Protein backbone atom coordinates (compact mmCIF):
# COMPACT_ATOMS: atom_id res chain seq x y z
CA MET A 1 -1.49 3.69 -3.83
CA ASP A 2 -1.17 -0.15 -4.29
CA ALA A 3 0.06 -3.28 -2.86
CA LYS A 4 2.02 -6.07 -4.49
CA ALA A 5 2.15 -9.79 -3.80
CA ALA A 6 3.75 -10.87 -0.79
CA VAL A 7 7.68 -11.47 -1.25
CA LYS A 8 8.80 -14.97 0.20
CA ILE A 9 11.65 -14.65 2.46
CA GLY A 10 14.20 -17.37 2.13
CA ASN A 11 16.72 -18.80 -0.18
CA PHE A 12 14.55 -18.73 -3.29
CA SER A 13 15.35 -18.18 -6.91
CA ARG A 14 13.71 -14.74 -7.98
CA GLY A 15 15.06 -14.93 -11.58
CA GLY A 16 16.77 -12.07 -13.02
CA LYS A 17 20.58 -11.79 -13.60
CA SER A 18 23.37 -11.03 -11.10
CA ARG A 19 26.97 -10.40 -11.48
CA VAL A 20 27.71 -12.58 -8.56
CA LEU A 21 27.25 -16.34 -8.70
CA THR A 22 24.17 -17.11 -6.77
CA LYS A 23 22.69 -20.42 -5.64
CA ALA A 24 19.02 -20.70 -4.60
CA LEU A 25 16.26 -23.25 -4.29
CA ASP A 26 14.71 -24.10 -7.59
CA HIS A 27 11.54 -25.50 -5.76
CA ASP A 28 8.75 -23.43 -4.02
CA PHE A 29 9.36 -24.65 -0.52
CA LYS A 30 7.62 -22.95 2.55
CA PRO A 31 9.22 -19.68 3.10
CA ASP A 32 10.55 -18.66 6.56
CA SER A 33 8.20 -15.66 6.47
CA THR A 34 6.75 -13.15 4.05
CA LEU A 35 6.71 -9.35 3.54
CA THR A 36 3.95 -7.42 1.63
CA PRO A 37 4.92 -4.14 0.04
CA PHE A 38 2.39 -1.55 0.12
CA GLY A 39 3.26 1.82 -1.73
CA ILE A 40 1.99 5.37 -1.85
CA PHE A 41 3.32 7.55 -4.80
CA LEU A 42 3.16 11.18 -5.31
CA PRO A 43 3.54 11.52 -9.21
CA LYS A 44 4.05 15.36 -9.09
CA TYR A 45 7.06 15.13 -7.10
CA ASP A 46 8.27 11.63 -7.73
CA ASP A 47 8.27 10.88 -4.17
CA LEU A 48 7.58 7.08 -3.19
CA PHE A 49 6.85 5.55 0.22
CA LEU A 50 6.84 1.99 0.82
CA TYR A 51 5.47 0.31 3.81
CA PHE A 52 6.00 -3.45 4.41
CA THR A 53 3.87 -5.69 6.63
CA PRO A 54 4.71 -9.59 7.58
CA PHE A 55 1.12 -10.18 7.85
CA THR A 56 -2.03 -10.45 5.86
CA LEU A 57 -2.93 -7.22 4.11
CA THR A 58 -6.18 -5.77 5.48
CA SER A 59 -8.41 -2.81 5.07
CA ASP A 60 -7.21 -1.61 8.65
CA PHE A 61 -3.56 -1.93 7.59
CA ILE A 62 -4.22 0.19 4.36
CA VAL A 63 -6.06 2.95 6.23
CA ASP A 64 -3.52 2.91 9.33
CA THR A 65 -0.92 3.29 6.80
CA LEU A 66 -2.51 6.18 4.96
CA GLU A 67 -3.08 7.92 8.47
CA LEU A 68 0.57 7.45 9.25
CA TRP A 69 1.70 8.76 5.93
CA TRP A 70 -0.55 11.74 5.90
CA LEU A 71 0.26 12.68 9.64
CA LYS A 72 4.01 13.07 8.23
CA GLN A 73 3.06 14.51 4.90
CA LYS A 74 0.55 17.04 5.78
CA LYS A 75 3.09 19.38 7.64
CA PHE A 76 4.71 19.70 4.20
CA SER A 77 1.58 20.46 2.40
CA PRO A 78 -0.41 22.60 4.90
CA SER A 79 -2.73 24.09 2.32
CA VAL A 80 -3.98 20.69 0.95
CA ASN A 81 -7.48 19.65 2.14
CA THR A 82 -8.48 17.21 -0.46
CA LEU A 83 -6.74 13.75 -1.43
CA VAL A 84 -7.50 12.08 -4.66
CA ILE A 85 -6.24 8.53 -4.39
CA ASN A 86 -5.96 6.39 -7.53
CA GLN A 87 -6.05 2.79 -6.62
CA ASP A 88 -7.11 -0.67 -8.00
CA ASN A 89 -10.35 -2.16 -7.13
CA GLY A 90 -8.55 -4.88 -4.93
CA PRO A 91 -10.25 -7.00 -2.39
CA GLU A 92 -9.29 -5.17 0.72
CA ASN A 93 -9.71 -1.64 -0.83
CA GLN A 94 -12.75 -1.89 -3.02
CA SER A 95 -15.52 0.43 -2.60
CA HIS A 96 -17.92 -2.42 -1.44
CA ARG A 97 -15.64 -3.28 1.32
CA THR A 98 -17.50 -2.08 4.42
CA GLN A 99 -14.66 -2.07 6.77
CA PHE A 100 -12.33 0.05 4.27
CA VAL A 101 -15.28 2.54 3.64
CA LYS A 102 -15.89 2.70 7.43
CA ARG A 103 -12.11 3.28 8.06
CA MET A 104 -11.95 5.84 5.14
CA VAL A 105 -15.05 7.76 6.64
CA GLU A 106 -13.29 7.86 10.07
CA PHE A 107 -10.10 9.17 8.44
CA VAL A 108 -11.77 11.96 6.50
CA ALA A 109 -13.38 13.04 9.94
CA LYS A 110 -10.31 12.56 12.17
CA SER A 111 -8.01 14.37 9.65
CA ASN A 112 -10.49 16.98 8.38
CA THR A 113 -9.59 16.33 5.03
CA SER A 114 -11.83 15.51 1.81
CA VAL A 115 -10.92 12.32 -0.04
CA SER A 116 -11.75 11.17 -3.41
CA LEU A 117 -11.25 7.26 -4.22
CA ALA A 118 -10.45 6.86 -8.09
CA TYR A 119 -10.61 3.24 -9.12
CA TYR A 120 -8.98 2.02 -12.19
CA PRO A 121 -11.30 -0.15 -14.25
CA PRO A 122 -10.75 -3.96 -14.34
CA TYR A 123 -7.66 -4.96 -16.08
CA HIS A 124 -6.26 -1.31 -16.38
CA SER A 125 -4.02 -1.42 -13.25
CA LYS A 126 -0.93 -0.83 -15.40
CA TYR A 127 -1.95 2.77 -15.93
CA ASN A 128 -1.55 3.40 -12.22
CA PRO A 129 1.86 5.22 -11.94
CA ILE A 130 2.78 3.47 -8.85
CA GLU A 131 2.77 0.21 -10.87
CA ARG A 132 5.87 1.41 -12.71
CA CYS A 133 7.51 2.35 -9.36
CA LEU A 134 6.91 -1.20 -7.90
CA GLY A 135 8.08 -2.55 -11.15
CA VAL A 136 11.39 -0.86 -10.79
CA LEU A 137 11.64 -2.39 -7.17
CA GLU A 138 10.99 -5.82 -8.59
CA ASN A 139 13.75 -5.52 -11.13
CA HIS A 140 16.19 -4.20 -8.62
CA TRP A 141 15.81 -7.20 -6.23
CA ASN A 142 15.54 -9.76 -9.00
CA GLY A 143 18.65 -11.82 -9.26
CA SER A 144 19.25 -11.68 -5.61
CA ILE A 145 18.54 -13.62 -2.54
CA LEU A 146 15.90 -12.06 -0.15
CA ASP A 147 16.72 -14.55 2.99
CA THR A 148 15.99 -12.03 5.61
CA LEU A 149 13.53 -8.99 6.51
CA ASP A 150 16.57 -6.82 6.38
CA SER A 151 17.62 -7.68 3.06
CA VAL A 152 14.17 -6.89 1.70
CA LEU A 153 14.10 -3.53 3.34
CA HIS A 154 17.72 -2.95 2.17
CA PHE A 155 16.83 -3.38 -1.44
CA ALA A 156 13.74 -1.10 -1.04
CA HIS A 157 15.87 1.71 0.44
CA SER A 158 18.59 1.32 -2.27
CA MET A 159 16.23 1.43 -5.27
CA THR A 160 15.71 4.66 -6.99
CA TRP A 161 12.72 6.38 -8.93
CA LYS A 162 14.00 9.17 -11.20
CA GLY A 163 17.07 9.65 -8.97
CA LYS A 164 15.17 9.45 -5.61
CA HIS A 165 15.29 6.78 -2.90
CA PRO A 166 11.91 5.91 -1.36
CA TYR A 167 10.77 6.19 2.07
CA VAL A 168 10.70 2.75 3.69
CA GLU A 169 9.14 1.42 6.87
CA LEU A 170 8.36 -2.05 8.46
CA ILE A 171 4.79 -2.13 9.95
CA SER A 172 4.93 -4.87 12.56
CA LYS A 173 1.45 -4.60 13.79
CA PRO A 174 -0.78 -7.72 13.15
CA TYR A 175 -4.43 -7.02 12.03
CA GLN A 176 -7.59 -9.21 12.29
CA THR A 177 -8.74 -10.56 8.72
CA GLY A 178 -12.28 -10.64 7.58
CA VAL A 179 -13.79 -7.70 9.47
CA LYS A 180 -17.17 -6.59 8.28
CA VAL A 181 -19.27 -3.85 9.23
CA PRO A 182 -23.07 -4.44 10.03
CA LYS A 183 -25.63 -2.80 7.77
CA PHE A 184 -27.18 -0.88 10.59
CA LEU A 185 -23.88 0.48 11.84
CA MET A 186 -23.00 1.63 8.12
CA LYS A 187 -26.23 3.69 7.93
CA SER A 188 -25.70 5.37 11.21
CA LEU A 189 -22.11 6.19 10.07
CA ASP A 190 -23.47 7.61 6.84
CA LEU A 191 -26.01 9.75 8.61
CA HIS A 192 -23.28 11.10 11.08
CA PHE A 193 -20.92 11.59 8.38
CA ALA A 194 -23.48 13.70 6.25
CA SER A 195 -24.21 15.75 9.30
CA LYS A 196 -20.64 16.73 9.41
CA ASN A 197 -20.49 17.93 5.85
CA ARG A 198 -17.37 15.74 5.12
CA VAL A 199 -16.52 14.40 1.80
CA LEU A 200 -15.71 10.80 0.86
CA GLY A 201 -16.02 10.54 -3.02
CA ILE A 202 -15.94 7.28 -4.91
CA MET A 203 -15.00 7.52 -8.79
CA ARG A 204 -14.81 4.42 -10.99
């Protein structure tokens, strides 16, 4: 899973080429709003899930979205009891981000699913398969004007990865930024987690 930089909503030039004559602003004026894409990709099945938020990306958004995805996906994979998540060591999902670790521990306990977080080394995110999917999305809407939220979601719906359209959803819930977990709470959480024999593995 991974997120990309926020997309500016407005009459902005995005580069690329278009068969239709398109006029756009050539200066970086303040956008009307932004949408940040967050993707979950299953390489074995070439299934791509794209979630968009108009707010700042946070640890809580990432884990809530993962929970939302797994709630829908688990019924198709009832025998799966372990998730291996390949991801970059970004600021909101790094292994030292206390709120992210806390929420992941809670997710493991709540879903009764073991999770292994596999982090790519610095400057190696290009090897994450989802990067290629998000690159296709970027090329798909380049040369076009993304002046509304609906236009962004439309382009996301209409892209294809190996002949498949992604699942697309807008998450409108705002999240508090800068949430940190006190050390004493992390320790008590670790003890409770260990007593329940749950597994949250971290690989770098």
